[in-house]
Amino acid sequence: QVQLVQSGGGLVQPGGSLRLSCAASGSPFSMLTMGWYRQAPGKERELVATITSEDTTNYADSVKDRFTISRDNAEKSVFLQMNSLKPEDTAVYFCNARKYFGVGYVDYWGQGTQVTVSS
């Protein structure tokens, strides 16, 4: 199995920046596809960004050019650098790991961390 422990988050004013971190254990990290998701009050959980084992990235349209996902295989960690934050970014952010098997995959989730963007 995979264990994910998140850190970062907090309260920032509009236009500010935050960096989220997620450390993985229990599985070869380099073989995992990692991602960040978020869930705002009254909304469904949505994809923010993903990064594959080949460092291919994908972003939601709402965060393109503002957020950057990266990974450090030596540290078995994934990061989300969030710049130019908006109140609409307020949500609980979850770290995700996807482990592929022969005919499918399994998702693992971090505990979540609150990001609040407000004056």
Protein backbone atom coordinates (compact mmCIF):
# COMPACT_ATOMS: atom_id res chain seq x y z
CA GLN A 1 0.00 0.00 0.00
CA VAL A 2 0.87 3.68 -0.18
CA GLN A 3 0.79 6.16 2.68
CA LEU A 4 0.58 9.87 1.91
CA VAL A 5 1.33 12.59 4.45
CA GLN A 6 0.63 16.19 3.51
CA SER A 7 2.04 19.44 4.84
CA GLY A 8 1.63 23.10 4.03
CA GLY A 9 -1.55 25.01 3.52
CA GLY A 10 -2.96 27.78 5.64
CA LEU A 11 -4.41 31.26 5.29
CA VAL A 12 -3.13 33.67 2.65
CA GLN A 13 -4.40 36.89 1.13
CA PRO A 14 -5.43 37.16 -2.52
CA GLY A 15 -2.39 37.32 -4.77
CA GLY A 16 -0.25 35.43 -2.30
CA SER A 17 1.51 32.09 -2.62
CA LEU A 18 1.57 28.74 -0.86
CA ARG A 19 3.50 25.53 -1.35
CA LEU A 20 1.96 22.17 -0.53
CA SER A 21 4.02 19.04 0.05
CA CYS A 22 3.15 15.36 0.11
CA ALA A 23 5.49 12.57 1.18
CA ALA A 24 4.83 9.00 0.06
CA SER A 25 5.89 5.69 1.54
CA GLY A 26 5.12 2.01 1.10
CA SER A 27 5.61 1.69 -2.66
CA PRO A 28 8.26 2.54 -5.26
CA PHE A 29 7.58 6.23 -5.70
CA SER A 30 8.98 6.52 -9.20
CA MET A 31 6.26 4.19 -10.49
CA LEU A 32 3.37 6.27 -9.16
CA THR A 33 1.34 8.91 -10.91
CA MET A 34 0.86 11.73 -8.41
CA GLY A 35 -1.75 14.43 -8.27
CA TRP A 36 -3.49 17.14 -6.32
CA TYR A 37 -7.24 17.47 -5.97
CA ARG A 38 -9.36 19.94 -4.07
CA GLN A 39 -12.85 20.19 -2.68
CA ALA A 40 -14.55 23.49 -1.89
CA PRO A 41 -17.65 23.79 0.31
CA GLY A 42 -20.70 22.63 -1.59
CA LYS A 43 -18.68 21.39 -4.55
CA GLU A 44 -17.42 18.07 -5.83
CA ARG A 45 -13.80 17.10 -5.53
CA GLU A 46 -11.97 18.27 -8.62
CA LEU A 47 -8.61 17.61 -10.21
CA VAL A 48 -6.05 20.37 -9.83
CA ALA A 49 -2.92 18.86 -11.37
CA THR A 50 -1.23 15.53 -12.06
CA ILE A 51 2.29 14.44 -12.85
CA THR A 52 3.25 11.06 -14.24
CA SER A 53 6.34 8.96 -13.68
CA GLU A 54 7.65 10.49 -16.92
CA ASP A 55 7.09 14.03 -15.57
CA THR A 56 4.18 14.71 -17.88
CA THR A 57 1.92 17.29 -16.23
CA ASN A 58 -1.73 18.16 -16.56
CA TYR A 59 -3.59 21.10 -15.03
CA ALA A 60 -7.15 22.18 -14.59
CA ASP A 61 -7.94 25.20 -16.72
CA SER A 62 -8.69 27.25 -13.62
CA VAL A 63 -5.12 26.94 -12.30
CA LYS A 64 -3.04 26.94 -15.48
CA ASP A 65 -0.18 29.45 -15.40
CA ARG A 66 -0.64 29.93 -11.66
CA PHE A 67 0.05 26.50 -10.13
CA THR A 68 2.99 24.20 -10.72
CA ILE A 69 3.17 20.53 -9.78
CA SER A 70 6.55 18.86 -9.37
CA ARG A 71 8.04 15.72 -7.87
CA ASP A 72 11.28 14.69 -6.25
CA ASN A 73 11.78 10.96 -6.63
CA ALA A 74 14.74 10.92 -4.24
CA GLU A 75 12.56 12.40 -1.49
CA LYS A 76 9.47 10.47 -2.62
CA SER A 77 7.52 13.69 -2.55
CA VAL A 78 5.21 15.72 -4.73
CA PHE A 79 4.70 19.47 -4.45
CA LEU A 80 2.19 22.05 -5.54
CA GLN A 81 3.41 25.61 -5.86
CA MET A 82 0.42 27.95 -5.87
CA ASN A 83 0.91 31.54 -6.98
CA SER A 84 -1.48 34.42 -7.58
CA LEU A 85 -4.02 32.80 -5.31
CA LYS A 86 -7.66 33.76 -5.61
CA PRO A 87 -10.55 33.40 -3.15
CA GLU A 88 -11.95 30.77 -5.52
CA ASP A 89 -8.94 28.58 -4.70
CA THR A 90 -10.19 28.15 -1.14
CA ALA A 91 -10.68 24.43 -0.56
CA VAL A 92 -9.37 21.34 1.13
CA TYR A 93 -6.49 20.05 -0.97
CA PHE A 94 -5.79 16.32 -1.21
CA CYS A 95 -2.67 14.54 -2.36
CA ASN A 96 -3.29 11.54 -4.62
CA ALA A 97 -1.19 8.59 -5.72
CA ARG A 98 -2.22 6.17 -8.44
CA LYS A 99 -0.60 2.76 -8.52
CA TYR A 100 -1.01 0.75 -11.68
CA PHE A 101 -1.30 -3.01 -11.85
CA GLY A 102 -1.53 -5.34 -14.84
CA VAL A 103 -5.14 -4.55 -15.70
CA GLY A 104 -6.05 -1.62 -13.50
CA TYR A 105 -5.00 0.76 -10.78
CA VAL A 106 -5.64 1.79 -7.18
CA ASP A 107 -5.86 5.34 -5.80
CA TYR A 108 -4.49 6.45 -2.45
CA TRP A 109 -5.26 9.73 -0.71
CA GLY A 110 -3.57 12.03 1.75
CA GLN A 111 -5.38 13.40 4.77
CA GLY A 112 -6.15 16.77 3.17
CA THR A 113 -5.08 20.26 4.13
CA GLN A 114 -7.06 23.49 4.22
CA VAL A 115 -6.13 26.38 1.96
CA THR A 116 -7.99 29.61 2.61
CA VAL A 117 -7.54 32.68 0.44
CA SER A 118 -9.07 35.74 2.04
CA SER A 119 -8.37 39.34 2.93
